[in-house]
PDB file of N, CA and C in Angstrom:
ATOM      1  N   MET A   1      -4.560  77.262  -7.330  1.00  0.00           N
ATOM      2  CA  MET A   1      -4.145  77.121  -5.958  1.00  0.00           C
ATOM      3  C   MET A   1      -5.021  77.944  -5.019  1.00  0.00           C
ATOM      4  N   GLN A   2      -5.977  78.643  -5.572  1.00  0.00           N
ATOM      5  CA  GLN A   2      -6.819  79.497  -4.742  1.00  0.00           C
ATOM      6  C   GLN A   2      -7.535  78.696  -3.663  1.00  0.00           C
ATOM      7  N   LYS A   3      -7.968  77.485  -3.968  1.00  0.00           N
ATOM      8  CA  LYS A   3      -8.662  76.668  -2.972  1.00  0.00           C
ATOM      9  C   LYS A   3      -7.754  76.290  -1.812  1.00  0.00           C
ATOM     10  N   LEU A   4      -6.461  76.269  -2.051  1.00  0.00           N
ATOM     11  CA  LEU A   4      -5.508  75.908  -1.000  1.00  0.00           C
ATOM     12  C   LEU A   4      -4.999  77.128  -0.240  1.00  0.00           C
ATOM     13  N   LYS A   5      -5.626  78.285  -0.430  1.00  0.00           N
ATOM     14  CA  LYS A   5      -5.171  79.527   0.185  1.00  0.00           C
ATOM     15  C   LYS A   5      -4.968  79.415   1.700  1.00  0.00           C
ATOM     16  N   PRO A   6      -5.897  78.818   2.463  1.00  0.00           N
ATOM     17  CA  PRO A   6      -5.640  78.705   3.916  1.00  0.00           C
ATOM     18  C   PRO A   6      -4.344  77.949   4.218  1.00  0.00           C
ATOM     19  N   PHE A   7      -4.048  76.930   3.440  1.00  0.00           N
ATOM     20  CA  PHE A   7      -2.810  76.186   3.628  1.00  0.00           C
ATOM     21  C   PHE A   7      -1.609  77.039   3.239  1.00  0.00           C
ATOM     22  N   GLU A   8      -1.753  77.818   2.175  1.00  0.00           N
ATOM     23  CA  GLU A   8      -0.656  78.673   1.720  1.00  0.00           C
ATOM     24  C   GLU A   8      -0.256  79.662   2.816  1.00  0.00           C
ATOM     25  N   ASP A   9      -1.237  80.182   3.553  1.00  0.00           N
ATOM     26  CA  ASP A   9      -0.934  81.101   4.650  1.00  0.00           C
ATOM     27  C   ASP A   9      -0.124  80.397   5.737  1.00  0.00           C
ATOM     28  N   GLU A  10      -0.518  79.173   6.081  1.00  0.00           N
ATOM     29  CA  GLU A  10       0.231  78.402   7.087  1.00  0.00           C
ATOM     30  C   GLU A  10       1.638  78.089   6.597  1.00  0.00           C
ATOM     31  N   ILE A  11       1.760  77.772   5.318  1.00  0.00           N
ATOM     32  CA  ILE A  11       3.064  77.447   4.744  1.00  0.00           C
ATOM     33  C   ILE A  11       3.983  78.665   4.800  1.00  0.00           C
ATOM     34  N   ALA A  12       3.457  79.822   4.434  1.00  0.00           N
ATOM     35  CA  ALA A  12       4.263  81.046   4.483  1.00  0.00           C
ATOM     36  C   ALA A  12       4.718  81.327   5.905  1.00  0.00           C
ATOM     37  N   ALA A  13       3.824  81.154   6.874  1.00  0.00           N
ATOM     38  CA  ALA A  13       4.185  81.377   8.275  1.00  0.00           C
ATOM     39  C   ALA A  13       5.254  80.392   8.722  1.00  0.00           C
ATOM     40  N   PHE A  14       5.160  79.153   8.275  1.00  0.00           N
ATOM     41  CA  PHE A  14       6.159  78.143   8.624  1.00  0.00           C
ATOM     42  C   PHE A  14       7.540  78.567   8.143  1.00  0.00           C
ATOM     43  N   PHE A  15       7.634  78.985   6.886  1.00  0.00           N
ATOM     44  CA  PHE A  15       8.934  79.313   6.322  1.00  0.00           C
ATOM     45  C   PHE A  15       9.482  80.659   6.799  1.00  0.00           C
ATOM     46  N   GLU A  16       8.641  81.475   7.430  1.00  0.00           N
ATOM     47  CA  GLU A  16       9.152  82.691   8.061  1.00  0.00           C
ATOM     48  C   GLU A  16      10.013  82.347   9.270  1.00  0.00           C
ATOM     49  N   ASN A  17       9.707  81.223   9.914  1.00  0.00           N
ATOM     50  CA  ASN A  17      10.397  80.821  11.143  1.00  0.00           C
ATOM     51  C   ASN A  17      11.327  79.633  10.961  1.00  0.00           C
ATOM     52  N   ASN A  18      11.257  78.929   9.855  1.00  0.00           N
ATOM     53  CA  ASN A  18      12.062  77.735   9.618  1.00  0.00           C
ATOM     54  C   ASN A  18      12.680  77.807   8.226  1.00  0.00           C
ATOM     55  N   THR A  19      13.870  77.281   8.110  1.00  0.00           N
ATOM     56  CA  THR A  19      14.518  77.283   6.797  1.00  0.00           C
ATOM     57  C   THR A  19      14.766  75.884   6.271  1.00  0.00           C
ATOM     58  N   VAL A  20      14.578  74.882   7.098  1.00  0.00           N
ATOM     59  CA  VAL A  20      14.858  73.507   6.687  1.00  0.00           C
ATOM     60  C   VAL A  20      13.533  72.758   6.589  1.00  0.00           C
ATOM     61  N   GLY A  21      13.078  72.517   5.372  1.00  0.00           N
ATOM     62  CA  GLY A  21      11.820  71.818   5.188  1.00  0.00           C
ATOM     63  C   GLY A  21      11.462  71.755   3.720  1.00  0.00           C
ATOM     64  N   GLU A  22      10.280  71.245   3.484  1.00  0.00           N
ATOM     65  CA  GLU A  22       9.854  71.026   2.100  1.00  0.00           C
ATOM     66  C   GLU A  22       8.336  71.102   2.026  1.00  0.00           C
ATOM     67  N   VAL A  23       7.822  71.662   0.941  1.00  0.00           N
ATOM     68  CA  VAL A  23       6.396  71.691   0.662  1.00  0.00           C
ATOM     69  C   VAL A  23       6.126  70.677  -0.435  1.00  0.00           C
ATOM     70  N   VAL A  24       5.093  69.850  -0.245  1.00  0.00           N
ATOM     71  CA  VAL A  24       4.738  68.821  -1.216  1.00  0.00           C
ATOM     72  C   VAL A  24       3.284  69.020  -1.621  1.00  0.00           C
ATOM     73  N   TYR A  25       3.039  69.084  -2.920  1.00  0.00           N
ATOM     74  CA  TYR A  25       1.682  69.166  -3.455  1.00  0.00           C
ATOM     75  C   TYR A  25       1.382  67.879  -4.207  1.00  0.00           C
ATOM     76  N   LEU A  26       0.147  67.417  -4.127  1.00  0.00           N
ATOM     77  CA  LEU A  26      -0.329  66.321  -4.959  1.00  0.00           C
ATOM     78  C   LEU A  26      -1.361  66.905  -5.913  1.00  0.00           C
ATOM     79  N   TYR A  27      -1.290  66.486  -7.164  1.00  0.00           N
ATOM     80  CA  TYR A  27      -2.144  67.038  -8.213  1.00  0.00           C
ATOM     81  C   TYR A  27      -3.007  65.962  -8.849  1.00  0.00           C
ATOM     82  N   GLN A  28      -4.185  66.402  -9.293  1.00  0.00           N
ATOM     83  CA  GLN A  28      -5.038  65.573 -10.139  1.00  0.00           C
ATOM     84  C   GLN A  28      -5.444  66.450 -11.313  1.00  0.00           C
ATOM     85  N   ALA A  29      -5.175  65.992 -12.502  1.00  0.00           N
ATOM     86  CA  ALA A  29      -5.496  66.758 -13.714  1.00  0.00           C
ATOM     87  C   ALA A  29      -4.956  68.185 -13.624  1.00  0.00           C
ATOM     88  N   ALA A  30      -3.704  68.308 -13.224  1.00  0.00           N
ATOM     89  CA  ALA A  30      -2.987  69.592 -13.141  1.00  0.00           C
ATOM     90  C   ALA A  30      -3.546  70.543 -12.079  1.00  0.00           C
ATOM     91  N   GLU A  31      -4.433  70.079 -11.231  1.00  0.00           N
ATOM     92  CA  GLU A  31      -4.973  70.899 -10.151  1.00  0.00           C
ATOM     93  C   GLU A  31      -4.486  70.343  -8.808  1.00  0.00           C
ATOM     94  N   PRO A  32      -3.964  71.199  -7.926  1.00  0.00           N
ATOM     95  CA  PRO A  32      -3.530  70.705  -6.612  1.00  0.00           C
ATOM     96  C   PRO A  32      -4.730  70.283  -5.772  1.00  0.00           C
ATOM     97  N   VAL A  33      -4.626  69.094  -5.170  1.00  0.00           N
ATOM     98  CA  VAL A  33      -5.724  68.589  -4.336  1.00  0.00           C
ATOM     99  C   VAL A  33      -5.285  68.352  -2.898  1.00  0.00           C
ATOM    100  N   ALA A  34      -3.966  68.329  -2.661  1.00  0.00           N
ATOM    101  CA  ALA A  34      -3.456  68.091  -1.307  1.00  0.00           C
ATOM    102  C   ALA A  34      -2.112  68.785  -1.157  1.00  0.00           C
ATOM    103  N   VAL A  35      -1.809  69.179   0.078  1.00  0.00           N
ATOM    104  CA  VAL A  35      -0.544  69.847   0.354  1.00  0.00           C
ATOM    105  C   VAL A  35      -0.048  69.427   1.731  1.00  0.00           C
ATOM    106  N   GLY A  36       1.271  69.301   1.833  1.00  0.00           N
ATOM    107  CA  GLY A  36       1.886  68.970   3.118  1.00  0.00           C
ATOM    108  C   GLY A  36       3.215  69.672   3.261  1.00  0.00           C
ATOM    109  N   VAL A  37       3.614  69.914   4.501  1.00  0.00           N
ATOM    110  CA  VAL A  37       4.902  70.537   4.785  1.00  0.00           C
ATOM    111  C   VAL A  37       5.632  69.675   5.804  1.00  0.00           C
ATOM    112  N   VAL A  38       6.899  69.408   5.534  1.00  0.00           N
ATOM    113  CA  VAL A  38       7.729  68.678   6.488  1.00  0.00           C
ATOM    114  C   VAL A  38       8.876  69.571   6.928  1.00  0.00           C
ATOM    115  N   ASP A  39       9.251  69.405   8.179  1.00  0.00           N
ATOM    116  CA  ASP A  39      10.343  70.144   8.802  1.00  0.00           C
ATOM    117  C   ASP A  39      11.457  69.141   9.064  1.00  0.00           C
ATOM    118  N   TYR A  40      12.669  69.466   8.637  1.00  0.00           N
ATOM    119  CA  TYR A  40      13.811  68.571   8.814  1.00  0.00           C
ATOM    120  C   TYR A  40      14.754  69.040   9.908  1.00  0.00           C
ATOM    121  N   GLU A  41      14.311  69.904  10.765  1.00  0.00           N
ATOM    122  CA  GLU A  41      15.160  70.451  11.823  1.00  0.00           C
ATOM    123  C   GLU A  41      15.362  69.395  12.905  1.00  0.00           C
ATOM    124  N   ASP A  42      16.519  68.769  12.990  1.00  0.00           N
ATOM    125  CA  ASP A  42      16.872  67.747  13.988  1.00  0.00           C
ATOM    126  C   ASP A  42      15.944  66.534  13.978  1.00  0.00           C
ATOM    127  N   ILE A  43      14.663  66.760  14.236  1.00  0.00           N
ATOM    128  CA  ILE A  43      13.661  65.692  14.234  1.00  0.00           C
ATOM    129  C   ILE A  43      12.633  66.028  13.168  1.00  0.00           C
ATOM    130  N   GLY A  44      12.269  65.071  12.345  1.00  0.00           N
ATOM    131  CA  GLY A  44      11.293  65.332  11.295  1.00  0.00           C
ATOM    132  C   GLY A  44       9.890  65.486  11.845  1.00  0.00           C
ATOM    133  N   THR A  45       9.167  66.466  11.342  1.00  0.00           N
ATOM    134  CA  THR A  45       7.764  66.668  11.709  1.00  0.00           C
ATOM    135  C   THR A  45       6.974  67.092  10.484  1.00  0.00           C
ATOM    136  N   MET A  46       5.693  66.746  10.485  1.00  0.00           N
ATOM    137  CA  MET A  46       4.769  67.246   9.475  1.00  0.00           C
ATOM    138  C   MET A  46       4.041  68.410  10.116  1.00  0.00           C
ATOM    139  N   THR A  47       4.229  69.592   9.566  1.00  0.00           N
ATOM    140  CA  THR A  47       3.606  70.763  10.175  1.00  0.00           C
ATOM    141  C   THR A  47       2.281  71.128   9.514  1.00  0.00           C
ATOM    142  N   VAL A  48       2.113  70.751   8.262  1.00  0.00           N
ATOM    143  CA  VAL A  48       0.855  70.984   7.539  1.00  0.00           C
ATOM    144  C   VAL A  48       0.565  69.739   6.730  1.00  0.00           C
ATOM    145  N   ILE A  49      -0.670  69.262   6.786  1.00  0.00           N
ATOM    146  CA  ILE A  49      -1.115  68.181   5.908  1.00  0.00           C
ATOM    147  C   ILE A  49      -2.607  68.391   5.689  1.00  0.00           C
ATOM    148  N   GLY A  50      -2.988  68.546   4.422  1.00  0.00           N
ATOM    149  CA  GLY A  50      -4.395  68.808   4.148  1.00  0.00           C
ATOM    150  C   GLY A  50      -4.805  68.385   2.761  1.00  0.00           C
ATOM    151  N   VAL A  51      -6.072  67.999   2.657  1.00  0.00           N
ATOM    152  CA  VAL A  51      -6.674  67.585   1.393  1.00  0.00           C
ATOM    153  C   VAL A  51      -7.946  68.411   1.220  1.00  0.00           C
ATOM    154  N   LEU A  52      -8.164  68.909   0.016  1.00  0.00           N
ATOM    155  CA  LEU A  52      -9.386  69.660  -0.239  1.00  0.00           C
ATOM    156  C   LEU A  52     -10.606  68.796   0.059  1.00  0.00           C
ATOM    157  N   PRO A  53     -11.658  69.377   0.627  1.00  0.00           N
ATOM    158  CA  PRO A  53     -12.831  68.591   1.043  1.00  0.00           C
ATOM    159  C   PRO A  53     -13.405  67.689  -0.040  1.00  0.00           C
ATOM    160  N   GLU A  54     -13.479  68.179  -1.264  1.00  0.00           N
ATOM    161  CA  GLU A  54     -14.090  67.363  -2.326  1.00  0.00           C
ATOM    162  C   GLU A  54     -13.226  66.173  -2.746  1.00  0.00           C
ATOM    163  N   PHE A  55     -11.986  66.099  -2.261  1.00  0.00           N
ATOM    164  CA  PHE A  55     -11.107  64.985  -2.599  1.00  0.00           C
ATOM    165  C   PHE A  55     -10.821  64.072  -1.406  1.00  0.00           C
ATOM    166  N   ARG A  56     -11.470  64.326  -0.304  1.00  0.00           N
ATOM    167  CA  ARG A  56     -11.254  63.492   0.878  1.00  0.00           C
ATOM    168  C   ARG A  56     -11.909  62.128   0.686  1.00  0.00           C
ATOM    169  N   ARG A  57     -11.397  61.155   1.440  1.00  0.00           N
ATOM    170  CA  ARG A  57     -11.890  59.776   1.412  1.00  0.00           C
ATOM    171  C   ARG A  57     -11.684  59.111   0.041  1.00  0.00           C
ATOM    172  N   GLN A  58     -10.630  59.550  -0.651  1.00  0.00           N
ATOM    173  CA  GLN A  58     -10.267  58.955  -1.937  1.00  0.00           C
ATOM    174  C   GLN A  58      -8.817  58.481  -1.944  1.00  0.00           C
ATOM    175  N   GLY A  59      -8.167  58.503  -0.787  1.00  0.00           N
ATOM    176  CA  GLY A  59      -6.797  58.025  -0.694  1.00  0.00           C
ATOM    177  C   GLY A  59      -5.724  59.098  -0.821  1.00  0.00           C
ATOM    178  N   TRP A  60      -6.104  60.344  -1.053  1.00  0.00           N
ATOM    179  CA  TRP A  60      -5.113  61.410  -1.213  1.00  0.00           C
ATOM    180  C   TRP A  60      -4.334  61.660   0.070  1.00  0.00           C
ATOM    181  N   GLY A  61      -5.010  61.647   1.190  1.00  0.00           N
ATOM    182  CA  GLY A  61      -4.334  61.857   2.474  1.00  0.00           C
ATOM    183  C   GLY A  61      -3.313  60.772   2.761  1.00  0.00           C
ATOM    184  N   THR A  62      -3.669  59.537   2.457  1.00  0.00           N
ATOM    185  CA  THR A  62      -2.748  58.412   2.652  1.00  0.00           C
ATOM    186  C   THR A  62      -1.519  58.569   1.765  1.00  0.00           C
ATOM    187  N   ARG A  63      -1.740  58.900   0.493  1.00  0.00           N
ATOM    188  CA  ARG A  63      -0.608  59.096  -0.430  1.00  0.00           C
ATOM    189  C   ARG A  63       0.290  60.233   0.023  1.00  0.00           C
ATOM    190  N   LEU A  64      -0.332  61.330   0.460  1.00  0.00           N
ATOM    191  CA  LEU A  64       0.441  62.477   0.922  1.00  0.00           C
ATOM    192  C   LEU A  64       1.249  62.112   2.161  1.00  0.00           C
ATOM    193  N   HIS A  65       0.612  61.451   3.114  1.00  0.00           N
ATOM    194  CA  HIS A  65       1.296  61.060   4.348  1.00  0.00           C
ATOM    195  C   HIS A  65       2.478  60.150   4.041  1.00  0.00           C
ATOM    196  N   ARG A  66       2.298  59.183   3.165  1.00  0.00           N
ATOM    197  CA  ARG A  66       3.396  58.274   2.791  1.00  0.00           C
ATOM    198  C   ARG A  66       4.553  59.033   2.158  1.00  0.00           C
ATOM    199  N   HIS A  67       4.232  59.945   1.283  1.00  0.00           N
ATOM    200  CA  HIS A  67       5.304  60.707   0.626  1.00  0.00           C
ATOM    201  C   HIS A  67       6.042  61.582   1.634  1.00  0.00           C
ATOM    202  N   LEU A  68       5.311  62.218   2.540  1.00  0.00           N
ATOM    203  CA  LEU A  68       5.951  63.056   3.540  1.00  0.00           C
ATOM    204  C   LEU A  68       6.835  62.226   4.466  1.00  0.00           C
ATOM    205  N   MET A  69       6.383  61.043   4.846  1.00  0.00           N
ATOM    206  CA  MET A  69       7.206  60.157   5.684  1.00  0.00           C
ATOM    207  C   MET A  69       8.473  59.755   4.933  1.00  0.00           C
ATOM    208  N   TRP A  70       8.349  59.457   3.645  1.00  0.00           N
ATOM    209  CA  TRP A  70       9.519  59.110   2.845  1.00  0.00           C
ATOM    210  C   TRP A  70      10.480  60.294   2.787  1.00  0.00           C
ATOM    211  N   ALA A  71       9.953  61.500   2.569  1.00  0.00           N
ATOM    212  CA  ALA A  71      10.799  62.694   2.486  1.00  0.00           C
ATOM    213  C   ALA A  71      11.540  62.932   3.792  1.00  0.00           C
ATOM    214  N   ILE A  72      10.864  62.772   4.908  1.00  0.00           N
ATOM    215  CA  ILE A  72      11.502  62.943   6.217  1.00  0.00           C
ATOM    216  C   ILE A  72      12.636  61.935   6.375  1.00  0.00           C
ATOM    217  N   GLN A  73      12.377  60.697   5.998  1.00  0.00           N
ATOM    218  CA  GLN A  73      13.367  59.623   6.137  1.00  0.00           C
ATOM    219  C   GLN A  73      14.637  59.925   5.348  1.00  0.00           C
ATOM    220  N   GLN A  74      14.537  60.691   4.276  1.00  0.00           N
ATOM    221  CA  GLN A  74      15.704  61.031   3.469  1.00  0.00           C
ATOM    222  C   GLN A  74      16.618  62.040   4.155  1.00  0.00           C
ATOM    223  N   HIS A  75      16.120  62.729   5.196  1.00  0.00           N
ATOM    224  CA  HIS A  75      16.866  63.825   5.810  1.00  0.00           C
ATOM    225  C   HIS A  75      17.233  63.621   7.276  1.00  0.00           C
ATOM    226  N   VAL A  76      16.389  62.943   8.022  1.00  0.00           N
ATOM    227  CA  VAL A  76      16.635  62.772   9.459  1.00  0.00           C
ATOM    228  C   VAL A  76      16.276  61.353   9.883  1.00  0.00           C
ATOM    229  N   GLU A  77      16.779  60.947  11.048  1.00  0.00           N
ATOM    230  CA  GLU A  77      16.520  59.591  11.530  1.00  0.00           C
ATOM    231  C   GLU A  77      15.312  59.493  12.448  1.00  0.00           C
ATOM    232  N   LEU A  78      14.913  60.606  13.056  1.00  0.00           N
ATOM    233  CA  LEU A  78      13.790  60.585  13.990  1.00  0.00           C
ATOM    234  C   LEU A  78      12.608  61.366  13.451  1.00  0.00           C
ATOM    235  N   TYR A  79      11.404  60.871  13.766  1.00  0.00           N
ATOM    236  CA  TYR A  79      10.169  61.527  13.377  1.00  0.00           C
ATOM    237  C   TYR A  79       9.319  61.735  14.627  1.00  0.00           C
ATOM    238  N   ARG A  80       8.777  62.939  14.739  1.00  0.00           N
ATOM    239  CA  ARG A  80       7.863  63.227  15.847  1.00  0.00           C
ATOM    240  C   ARG A  80       6.493  63.470  15.230  1.00  0.00           C
ATOM    241  N   GLY A  81       5.530  62.642  15.640  1.00  0.00           N
ATOM    242  CA  GLY A  81       4.188  62.753  15.060  1.00  0.00           C
ATOM    243  C   GLY A  81       3.166  63.253  16.034  1.00  0.00           C
TER     244      GLY A  81
END
């Protein structure tokens, strides 16, 4: 997870101020390649979404975005993008 360290800092800051949300990692060969955070406070939002540079343009961002949208839909009716 060392490569995702900048995202980890943002995630920690998010959870210092929010308690309702979820962190989602996508893995390839047991290594995390993408991370996203969703907030379920009243209106769903994606506060962090990122893919490691060497895995960009391979569909990881699309998969992550779809999963985060699905996760938001399970908790709230509105999404702010």
